[in-house]
Amino acid sequence: MKKKMKPPALKDFQPGTVFIIKEFDVPLTHSPTPDGGWLWLNWFGGTPSPYDERKFLKQGNHWPAASFEEWLALVQDSL
């Protein structure tokens, strides 16, 4: 039996994290790192994995989520 994954909460993210939607159903995050850089993660399926934005993001195929709740609904739908 597959273990039910607990969706992330807003408090789990660094301040300044941007919640992004790619092509209507892929939840991404763009988060600041302690060293001053930025990290892209793909949350589809509920487990964050590194995301190569240079390879996959194109003008017009992604946008900021209107709210954390909108972004979280995509994560939950992907579980």
C-alpha atoms as a PDB file:
ATOM      1  CA  MET A   1       0.000   0.000   0.000  1.00  0.00           C
ATOM      2  CA  LYS A   2       1.346   3.417  -0.981  1.00  0.00           C
ATOM      3  CA  LYS A   3       2.007   5.813   1.899  1.00  0.00           C
ATOM      4  CA  LYS A   4      -0.115   8.962   1.740  1.00  0.00           C
ATOM      5  CA  MET A   5       2.154  11.971   1.336  1.00  0.00           C
ATOM      6  CA  LYS A   6       1.536  15.039   3.496  1.00  0.00           C
ATOM      7  CA  PRO A   7       1.338  18.180   1.364  1.00  0.00           C
ATOM      8  CA  PRO A   8       3.713  21.024   2.230  1.00  0.00           C
ATOM      9  CA  ALA A   9       2.568  23.997   4.304  1.00  0.00           C
ATOM     10  CA  LEU A  10       3.451  27.612   3.594  1.00  0.00           C
ATOM     11  CA  LYS A  11       5.654  27.660   6.720  1.00  0.00           C
ATOM     12  CA  ASP A  12       7.837  24.942   5.129  1.00  0.00           C
ATOM     13  CA  PHE A  13       9.218  27.445   2.587  1.00  0.00           C
ATOM     14  CA  GLN A  14      11.903  30.113   2.849  1.00  0.00           C
ATOM     15  CA  PRO A  15      10.632  33.700   2.933  1.00  0.00           C
ATOM     16  CA  GLY A  16      10.785  35.038  -0.614  1.00  0.00           C
ATOM     17  CA  THR A  17       9.794  31.749  -2.269  1.00  0.00           C
ATOM     18  CA  VAL A  18       7.802  32.268  -5.457  1.00  0.00           C
ATOM     19  CA  PHE A  19       5.136  29.674  -6.295  1.00  0.00           C
ATOM     20  CA  ILE A  20       4.986  29.065 -10.041  1.00  0.00           C
ATOM     21  CA  ILE A  21       2.569  27.147 -12.275  1.00  0.00           C
ATOM     22  CA  LYS A  22       3.909  25.675 -15.505  1.00  0.00           C
ATOM     23  CA  GLU A  23       1.508  24.741 -18.292  1.00  0.00           C
ATOM     24  CA  PHE A  24      -1.538  24.722 -15.978  1.00  0.00           C
ATOM     25  CA  ASP A  25      -0.623  21.627 -13.922  1.00  0.00           C
ATOM     26  CA  VAL A  26       3.039  21.584 -12.848  1.00  0.00           C
ATOM     27  CA  PRO A  27       3.741  23.204  -9.452  1.00  0.00           C
ATOM     28  CA  LEU A  28       7.217  24.743  -9.216  1.00  0.00           C
ATOM     29  CA  THR A  29       8.983  26.814  -6.583  1.00  0.00           C
ATOM     30  CA  HIS A  30      11.740  29.377  -6.994  1.00  0.00           C
ATOM     31  CA  SER A  31      13.362  29.753  -3.564  1.00  0.00           C
ATOM     32  CA  PRO A  32      16.262  31.760  -2.191  1.00  0.00           C
ATOM     33  CA  THR A  33      19.152  29.720  -0.787  1.00  0.00           C
ATOM     34  CA  PRO A  34      21.294  30.586   2.258  1.00  0.00           C
ATOM     35  CA  ASP A  35      24.279  31.388   0.005  1.00  0.00           C
ATOM     36  CA  GLY A  36      22.338  34.062  -1.889  1.00  0.00           C
ATOM     37  CA  GLY A  37      21.447  31.915  -4.893  1.00  0.00           C
ATOM     38  CA  TRP A  38      18.119  30.608  -6.099  1.00  0.00           C
ATOM     39  CA  LEU A  39      16.793  27.056  -6.351  1.00  0.00           C
ATOM     40  CA  TRP A  40      14.076  25.766  -8.680  1.00  0.00           C
ATOM     41  CA  LEU A  41      12.096  22.706  -7.564  1.00  0.00           C
ATOM     42  CA  ASN A  42       9.339  20.689  -9.230  1.00  0.00           C
ATOM     43  CA  TRP A  43       6.693  19.560  -6.723  1.00  0.00           C
ATOM     44  CA  PHE A  44       4.631  17.371  -9.099  1.00  0.00           C
ATOM     45  CA  GLY A  45       3.920  14.132  -7.227  1.00  0.00           C
ATOM     46  CA  GLY A  46       4.500  15.798  -3.850  1.00  0.00           C
ATOM     47  CA  THR A  47       8.232  15.167  -3.566  1.00  0.00           C
ATOM     48  CA  PRO A  48      10.411  18.129  -4.544  1.00  0.00           C
ATOM     49  CA  SER A  49      13.009  17.460  -7.208  1.00  0.00           C
ATOM     50  CA  PRO A  50      15.566  19.799  -8.809  1.00  0.00           C
ATOM     51  CA  TYR A  51      14.249  21.570 -11.890  1.00  0.00           C
ATOM     52  CA  ASP A  52      16.333  22.943 -14.767  1.00  0.00           C
ATOM     53  CA  GLU A  53      14.487  26.131 -15.601  1.00  0.00           C
ATOM     54  CA  ARG A  54      16.887  26.981 -18.443  1.00  0.00           C
ATOM     55  CA  LYS A  55      15.877  23.826 -20.273  1.00  0.00           C
ATOM     56  CA  PHE A  56      12.128  23.729 -19.633  1.00  0.00           C
ATOM     57  CA  LEU A  57      10.780  27.213 -18.951  1.00  0.00           C
ATOM     58  CA  LYS A  58       9.874  29.272 -21.980  1.00  0.00           C
ATOM     59  CA  GLN A  59       8.242  32.668 -22.244  1.00  0.00           C
ATOM     60  CA  GLY A  60       4.507  32.221 -21.722  1.00  0.00           C
ATOM     61  CA  ASN A  61       4.517  28.622 -20.414  1.00  0.00           C
ATOM     62  CA  HIS A  62       4.665  29.541 -16.714  1.00  0.00           C
ATOM     63  CA  TRP A  63       3.369  32.215 -14.357  1.00  0.00           C
ATOM     64  CA  PRO A  64       3.204  33.032 -10.638  1.00  0.00           C
ATOM     65  CA  ALA A  65       0.365  31.288  -8.808  1.00  0.00           C
ATOM     66  CA  ALA A  66      -2.390  33.666  -7.696  1.00  0.00           C
ATOM     67  CA  SER A  67      -2.004  32.274  -4.171  1.00  0.00           C
ATOM     68  CA  PHE A  68      -0.247  29.554  -2.207  1.00  0.00           C
ATOM     69  CA  GLU A  69      -3.589  27.734  -2.049  1.00  0.00           C
ATOM     70  CA  GLU A  70      -3.868  27.662  -5.861  1.00  0.00           C
ATOM     71  CA  TRP A  71      -0.339  26.237  -6.094  1.00  0.00           C
ATOM     72  CA  LEU A  72      -0.973  23.721  -3.293  1.00  0.00           C
ATOM     73  CA  ALA A  73      -4.103  22.419  -5.055  1.00  0.00           C
ATOM     74  CA  LEU A  74      -1.889  21.419  -8.004  1.00  0.00           C
ATOM     75  CA  VAL A  75       0.482  19.559  -5.673  1.00  0.00           C
ATOM     76  CA  GLN A  76      -2.458  17.731  -4.083  1.00  0.00           C
ATOM     77  CA  ASP A  77      -3.949  16.866  -7.489  1.00  0.00           C
ATOM     78  CA  SER A  78      -0.617  15.323  -8.513  1.00  0.00           C
ATOM     79  CA  LEU A  79      -0.454  12.912  -5.558  1.00  0.00           C
END
